[in-house]
Amino acid sequence: MEISMIKKSFFLFVLFPTILCAQYTDVINSNRPGRAASAYAVGKNVVQAEIGLMYEQQDNADLNSDSNIFGADYALRYGLFFEELEVIAEGSFITQNILYPDLGIEGTLTNFSRNRVGLKYLVYDPYKNPERSKPNLYSWRANNLFQWKNLIPAISVYGGANFVIGDNPFYPGEPTVSYRGGIQTQSRLSPRFVLISNIAYDRITTDFPEWRYALSLSHAFRDPRWSVFFEGQGISGDRYSDIILRTGVARLISPNFQADFHLGSGFKNDPSRVFVVLGFSYRLDFHKDKLIPINEQQSGMTGKIKKNANKRKSKKPDKK
């Protein structure tokens, strides 16, 4: 075996337990860019902010109107009580300037187009099984090729509430509070490819509930600080339905800071949508590893450390 392959295998052996067997990671775990959310939480006692500045152009063929939209996306995430649980507040605050050329009418709408709070809990993590997480120390190729077992995803469940604040022009007549439930999955197809899928039933208890779907594929470059993603999002409801495609890049600036940029468009003409987003993610890391008493640690088949186990054995002369 080549020396370089031995080094790579050793690196995988050391790194895999860190990145695969714990909720918390040494590097920031952001849901940006895009709208598909990871199945994993940020980690206990981690505070994380994710901000995006966006511009969107909308043209509605049915209403014969043109719109320019400026706004900001936000998400505040906190690892609550234990590693698998996360509370998240997220939303979008926008200003939409509308022009009706035929009528010579202009208008401005300003409010939250998205505003909700929820909890996410990881119910299944395939990498908690140490046997599944073991790399092949004899084959770098085996560790980097696609394997069918990699399709088995981590699964989390989400429950939350939407809030309509004041006289919101984007949701006229809706109740102040409605509800949202969903499932989020994440599969590590290979060391460089990650597949995320989301499904949610949104705005429950309103007159216009929606189904929302998202499928996102991320790829890390040879320089792991850079990654690219492709995402498809579907929205199905009586008020609004569309398919939205997004693509963009993310750059890790430091272990706690990430920058990203993405663009996207919709498929419909009522309205047509084209948008660009510049985003940032930053975390305050107050995470502390849980200490396990020495008498609870395993150090062999019996789980006990033998007396004088670290004492050097003396060499005895060979009688022969």
Protein backbone atom coordinates (compact mmCIF):
# COMPACT_ATOMS: atom_id res chain seq x y z
CA MET A 1 0.00 0.00 0.00
CA GLU A 2 1.31 3.49 -0.83
CA ILE A 3 2.31 5.82 1.98
CA SER A 4 -0.19 8.47 0.83
CA MET A 5 -3.02 5.94 0.96
CA ILE A 6 -2.01 4.91 4.48
CA LYS A 7 -2.08 8.56 5.55
CA LYS A 8 -5.52 9.08 4.03
CA SER A 9 -6.89 5.96 5.68
CA PHE A 10 -5.48 7.02 9.04
CA PHE A 11 -7.01 10.48 8.57
CA LEU A 12 -10.41 8.92 7.88
CA PHE A 13 -10.08 6.64 10.88
CA VAL A 14 -9.38 9.60 13.17
CA LEU A 15 -11.92 12.00 11.65
CA PHE A 16 -14.95 9.76 11.14
CA PRO A 17 -15.86 9.37 14.84
CA THR A 18 -15.79 13.15 15.17
CA ILE A 19 -17.96 14.10 12.20
CA LEU A 20 -20.33 11.16 12.11
CA CYS A 21 -21.04 10.00 15.64
CA ALA A 22 -22.02 13.26 17.30
CA GLN A 23 -24.54 16.04 16.87
CA TYR A 24 -21.98 18.68 17.70
CA THR A 25 -19.20 19.35 15.19
CA ASP A 26 -16.04 21.44 15.45
CA VAL A 27 -17.11 23.33 12.31
CA ILE A 28 -20.34 25.33 11.95
CA ASN A 29 -23.32 23.34 10.65
CA SER A 30 -25.53 25.79 8.74
CA ASN A 31 -28.81 25.28 6.88
CA ARG A 32 -27.68 27.92 4.40
CA PRO A 33 -27.63 28.30 1.47
CA GLY A 34 -31.09 27.28 0.27
CA ARG A 35 -34.26 26.36 2.14
CA ALA A 36 -33.74 22.63 2.77
CA ALA A 37 -32.96 22.09 6.47
CA SER A 38 -30.46 19.57 7.82
CA ALA A 39 -31.66 16.67 9.94
CA TYR A 40 -29.00 17.46 12.56
CA ALA A 41 -29.18 20.03 15.34
CA VAL A 42 -26.44 22.56 16.07
CA GLY A 43 -25.42 20.87 19.33
CA LYS A 44 -26.19 21.50 22.98
CA ASN A 45 -25.57 25.09 24.15
CA VAL A 46 -24.63 26.32 20.68
CA VAL A 47 -26.21 29.63 19.59
CA GLN A 48 -26.26 30.16 15.84
CA ALA A 49 -27.47 33.00 13.60
CA GLU A 50 -28.08 32.64 9.85
CA ILE A 51 -28.81 35.82 7.86
CA GLY A 52 -29.50 36.39 4.16
CA LEU A 53 -29.96 39.60 2.15
CA MET A 54 -32.11 39.07 -0.94
CA TYR A 55 -33.37 40.79 -4.06
CA GLU A 56 -36.18 39.35 -6.21
CA GLN A 57 -37.85 40.33 -9.46
CA GLN A 58 -41.46 39.21 -9.97
CA ASP A 59 -43.64 39.60 -13.05
CA ASN A 60 -47.26 38.47 -12.94
CA ALA A 61 -48.70 37.83 -16.41
CA ASP A 62 -52.26 37.36 -15.13
CA LEU A 63 -52.35 40.65 -13.19
CA ASN A 64 -50.01 42.46 -15.62
CA SER A 65 -47.84 43.68 -12.75
CA ASP A 66 -44.12 44.06 -12.06
CA SER A 67 -42.54 43.81 -8.61
CA ASN A 68 -39.18 44.45 -7.02
CA ILE A 69 -38.63 42.81 -3.64
CA PHE A 70 -35.92 43.63 -1.12
CA GLY A 71 -35.65 41.73 2.12
CA ALA A 72 -33.78 39.69 4.68
CA ASP A 73 -34.02 36.05 5.76
CA TYR A 74 -33.12 35.15 9.32
CA ALA A 75 -32.77 32.03 11.46
CA LEU A 76 -31.79 31.83 15.13
CA ARG A 77 -30.95 28.31 16.30
CA TYR A 78 -30.15 26.97 19.77
CA GLY A 79 -29.24 23.47 20.97
CA LEU A 80 -31.62 22.84 23.84
CA PHE A 81 -31.18 20.36 26.76
CA PHE A 82 -29.41 17.64 24.74
CA GLU A 83 -27.61 17.06 21.44
CA GLU A 84 -30.60 15.91 19.40
CA LEU A 85 -32.95 18.82 20.19
CA GLU A 86 -32.97 22.27 18.61
CA VAL A 87 -35.24 25.30 18.88
CA ILE A 88 -35.32 27.56 15.84
CA ALA A 89 -36.92 30.93 15.08
CA GLU A 90 -36.88 31.81 11.38
CA GLY A 91 -38.52 34.12 8.90
CA SER A 92 -38.31 36.63 6.06
CA PHE A 93 -39.06 40.34 6.26
CA ILE A 94 -39.59 41.95 2.85
CA THR A 95 -40.63 45.14 1.09
CA GLN A 96 -42.42 44.61 -2.23
CA ASN A 97 -42.78 47.53 -4.68
CA ILE A 98 -45.58 46.75 -7.17
CA LEU A 99 -46.30 48.55 -10.44
CA TYR A 100 -49.40 48.10 -12.63
CA PRO A 101 -48.27 49.69 -15.94
CA ASP A 102 -51.67 49.63 -17.64
CA LEU A 103 -53.35 51.41 -14.74
CA GLY A 104 -50.45 53.62 -13.76
CA ILE A 105 -50.75 52.46 -10.14
CA GLU A 106 -47.88 51.84 -7.76
CA GLY A 107 -47.94 50.29 -4.31
CA THR A 108 -45.69 49.06 -1.51
CA LEU A 109 -46.22 46.07 0.78
CA THR A 110 -44.04 45.53 3.85
CA ASN A 111 -44.24 42.78 6.45
CA PHE A 112 -43.13 39.23 7.26
CA SER A 113 -43.60 36.78 4.39
CA ARG A 114 -42.43 34.03 6.75
CA ASN A 115 -42.32 34.09 10.54
CA ARG A 116 -42.28 30.94 12.67
CA VAL A 117 -40.84 29.19 15.73
CA GLY A 118 -40.38 25.44 16.06
CA LEU A 119 -38.57 22.47 17.56
CA LYS A 120 -36.54 19.86 15.69
CA TYR A 121 -35.62 16.49 17.20
CA LEU A 122 -33.34 13.85 15.70
CA VAL A 123 -35.13 10.51 16.05
CA TYR A 124 -32.71 8.31 14.10
CA ASP A 125 -29.00 8.63 13.29
CA PRO A 126 -27.48 5.70 11.35
CA TYR A 127 -23.96 6.81 12.26
CA LYS A 128 -24.48 6.22 15.96
CA ASN A 129 -23.69 2.58 15.21
CA PRO A 130 -19.88 2.46 15.51
CA GLU A 131 -19.63 -0.55 13.20
CA ARG A 132 -21.35 1.36 10.41
CA SER A 133 -19.06 4.35 10.88
CA LYS A 134 -15.82 2.39 10.63
CA PRO A 135 -13.73 3.29 7.58
CA ASN A 136 -11.92 0.65 5.57
CA LEU A 137 -8.27 1.04 6.58
CA TYR A 138 -7.08 -1.01 3.63
CA SER A 139 -8.88 0.78 0.80
CA TRP A 140 -9.21 4.51 0.21
CA ARG A 141 -11.39 3.69 -2.81
CA ALA A 142 -13.88 1.72 -0.69
CA ASN A 143 -14.33 4.73 1.62
CA ASN A 144 -15.01 7.13 -1.25
CA LEU A 145 -17.24 5.07 -3.56
CA PHE A 146 -21.02 5.19 -3.33
CA GLN A 147 -22.51 2.41 -1.20
CA TRP A 148 -26.19 1.52 -0.99
CA LYS A 149 -26.15 1.71 2.80
CA ASN A 150 -25.29 5.42 2.47
CA LEU A 151 -28.86 6.03 1.30
CA ILE A 152 -30.12 5.24 4.80
CA PRO A 153 -30.73 8.74 6.18
CA ALA A 154 -30.67 10.45 9.53
CA ILE A 155 -34.27 11.44 10.32
CA SER A 156 -35.64 14.28 12.40
CA VAL A 157 -39.16 15.51 13.08
CA TYR A 158 -40.23 19.14 13.23
CA GLY A 159 -43.18 20.89 14.85
CA GLY A 160 -43.81 24.61 15.00
CA ALA A 161 -46.13 27.57 14.64
CA ASN A 162 -46.46 30.43 12.13
CA PHE A 163 -47.25 33.93 13.39
CA VAL A 164 -49.03 36.67 11.42
CA ILE A 165 -48.11 40.00 12.98
CA GLY A 166 -50.43 42.97 12.62
CA ASP A 167 -52.34 43.64 9.41
CA ASN A 168 -50.13 41.52 7.17
CA PRO A 169 -50.86 42.23 3.47
CA PHE A 170 -49.32 38.90 2.41
CA TYR A 171 -51.80 36.86 4.51
CA PRO A 172 -55.06 38.84 4.64
CA GLY A 173 -57.66 37.37 6.97
CA GLU A 174 -55.42 34.62 8.35
CA PRO A 175 -55.42 33.81 12.08
CA THR A 176 -52.56 35.09 14.18
CA VAL A 177 -51.25 31.56 14.80
CA SER A 178 -51.20 28.53 12.48
CA TYR A 179 -49.18 25.34 12.68
CA ARG A 180 -46.53 23.43 10.76
CA GLY A 181 -45.22 19.86 10.94
CA GLY A 182 -42.57 18.10 8.93
CA ILE A 183 -39.85 15.49 8.47
CA GLN A 184 -36.23 16.21 7.55
CA THR A 185 -33.74 13.61 6.34
CA GLN A 186 -30.04 13.64 5.55
CA SER A 187 -27.88 11.03 3.78
CA ARG A 188 -24.11 11.14 3.36
CA LEU A 189 -23.79 9.56 -0.08
CA SER A 190 -19.99 9.82 0.00
CA PRO A 191 -17.41 11.93 1.86
CA ARG A 192 -18.12 14.80 -0.57
CA PHE A 193 -21.83 14.42 -1.37
CA VAL A 194 -24.73 15.03 1.04
CA LEU A 195 -28.41 14.61 0.14
CA ILE A 196 -31.09 16.41 2.20
CA SER A 197 -34.85 16.08 1.82
CA ASN A 198 -37.69 17.90 3.59
CA ILE A 199 -41.45 17.49 3.56
CA ALA A 200 -43.80 19.73 5.55
CA TYR A 201 -47.49 20.45 5.90
CA ASP A 202 -47.68 24.18 6.52
CA ARG A 203 -50.22 26.81 7.66
CA ILE A 204 -52.43 24.17 9.26
CA THR A 205 -55.78 25.49 10.57
CA THR A 206 -55.92 28.26 7.92
CA ASP A 207 -58.13 28.30 4.81
CA PHE A 208 -55.04 27.85 2.61
CA PRO A 209 -52.78 25.07 3.96
CA GLU A 210 -49.74 24.14 1.88
CA TRP A 211 -47.54 21.13 1.22
CA ARG A 212 -43.86 22.01 0.87
CA TYR A 213 -41.12 19.74 -0.44
CA ALA A 214 -37.38 20.26 -0.85
CA LEU A 215 -34.53 18.13 -2.18
CA SER A 216 -30.96 19.43 -1.93
CA LEU A 217 -27.63 17.93 -3.04
CA SER A 218 -24.36 19.43 -1.74
CA HIS A 219 -20.85 18.73 -2.98
CA ALA A 220 -17.60 19.68 -1.23
CA PHE A 221 -14.59 20.54 -3.39
CA ARG A 222 -11.05 19.31 -2.90
CA ASP A 223 -10.59 22.41 -0.79
CA PRO A 224 -13.27 21.49 1.80
CA ARG A 225 -13.83 25.14 2.69
CA TRP A 226 -15.76 25.47 -0.58
CA SER A 227 -19.01 23.67 -1.46
CA VAL A 228 -21.72 23.92 -4.11
CA PHE A 229 -25.39 22.95 -3.87
CA PHE A 230 -28.37 22.28 -6.15
CA GLU A 231 -31.89 22.40 -4.74
CA GLY A 232 -35.43 21.90 -5.92
CA GLN A 233 -38.40 23.11 -3.87
CA GLY A 234 -42.06 22.39 -4.49
CA ILE A 235 -45.00 24.33 -3.05
CA SER A 236 -48.55 23.03 -3.46
CA GLY A 237 -51.59 24.95 -2.17
CA ASP A 238 -54.79 26.67 -3.25
CA ARG A 239 -53.29 30.13 -2.79
CA TYR A 240 -49.86 29.51 -4.33
CA SER A 241 -48.11 26.63 -6.12
CA ASP A 242 -44.74 26.57 -7.85
CA ILE A 243 -41.48 24.71 -8.36
CA ILE A 244 -38.35 26.68 -7.45
CA LEU A 245 -34.78 25.79 -8.40
CA ARG A 246 -31.73 27.13 -6.56
CA THR A 247 -27.97 26.79 -6.91
CA GLY A 248 -25.06 28.46 -5.20
CA VAL A 249 -21.82 28.19 -3.25
CA ALA A 250 -20.72 28.39 0.39
CA ARG A 251 -17.30 29.33 1.78
CA LEU A 252 -16.10 28.46 5.28
CA ILE A 253 -14.24 31.53 6.56
CA SER A 254 -13.46 30.12 10.02
CA PRO A 255 -14.76 27.20 12.12
CA ASN A 256 -17.59 29.44 13.38
CA PHE A 257 -18.27 31.63 10.33
CA GLN A 258 -19.60 30.81 6.85
CA ALA A 259 -20.52 32.99 3.86
CA ASP A 260 -22.76 31.91 0.97
CA PHE A 261 -24.32 33.10 -2.27
CA HIS A 262 -27.12 31.58 -4.33
CA LEU A 263 -29.63 32.41 -7.03
CA GLY A 264 -32.83 30.80 -8.25
CA SER A 265 -36.03 31.06 -10.23
CA GLY A 266 -39.55 29.69 -10.37
CA PHE A 267 -41.37 27.91 -13.20
CA LYS A 268 -44.68 29.77 -13.28
CA ASN A 269 -45.76 33.00 -14.95
CA ASP A 270 -48.21 34.07 -12.25
CA PRO A 271 -45.84 35.24 -10.93
CA SER A 272 -42.47 34.50 -12.52
CA ARG A 273 -39.62 34.76 -10.02
CA VAL A 274 -35.87 35.42 -10.28
CA PHE A 275 -33.82 36.13 -7.15
CA VAL A 276 -30.31 36.37 -5.70
CA VAL A 277 -29.30 35.97 -2.04
CA LEU A 278 -26.10 36.77 -0.14
CA GLY A 279 -25.89 35.12 3.27
CA PHE A 280 -23.81 34.63 6.40
CA SER A 281 -23.85 32.15 9.27
CA TYR A 282 -22.15 32.64 12.63
CA ARG A 283 -22.23 30.66 15.85
CA LEU A 284 -21.34 31.24 19.50
CA ASP A 285 -19.97 27.93 20.71
CA PHE A 286 -20.69 27.23 24.38
CA HIS A 287 -20.73 23.47 23.87
CA LYS A 288 -18.97 21.29 26.44
CA ASP A 289 -18.31 17.59 26.01
CA LYS A 290 -20.05 15.39 28.52
CA LEU A 291 -17.55 13.76 30.87
CA ILE A 292 -17.95 10.02 31.43
CA PRO A 293 -16.68 8.58 34.73
CA ILE A 294 -13.74 6.22 34.29
CA ASN A 295 -15.67 3.31 35.83
CA GLU A 296 -18.28 3.65 33.06
CA GLN A 297 -15.79 3.65 30.19
CA GLN A 298 -15.05 0.52 28.25
CA SER A 299 -11.43 -0.45 27.69
CA GLY A 300 -11.73 -3.95 26.34
CA MET A 301 -14.09 -6.87 26.20
CA THR A 302 -14.76 -6.76 29.95
CA GLY A 303 -14.98 -2.97 30.17
CA LYS A 304 -12.49 -2.94 33.09
CA ILE A 305 -8.88 -1.82 33.28
CA LYS A 306 -6.70 -4.52 34.72
CA LYS A 307 -4.48 -3.76 37.67
CA ASN A 308 -0.94 -2.75 36.64
CA ALA A 309 -2.08 -2.81 32.97
CA ASN A 310 0.30 0.03 32.16
CA LYS A 311 3.29 -1.56 33.93
CA ARG A 312 6.07 -2.58 31.59
CA LYS A 313 6.72 -6.27 31.52
CA SER A 314 10.25 -7.27 32.38
CA LYS A 315 12.13 -9.52 30.03
CA LYS A 316 12.95 -12.96 31.39
CA PRO A 317 16.07 -14.79 30.21
CA ASP A 318 15.43 -17.59 27.81
CA LYS A 319 16.15 -20.87 29.54
CA LYS A 320 17.09 -22.42 26.27
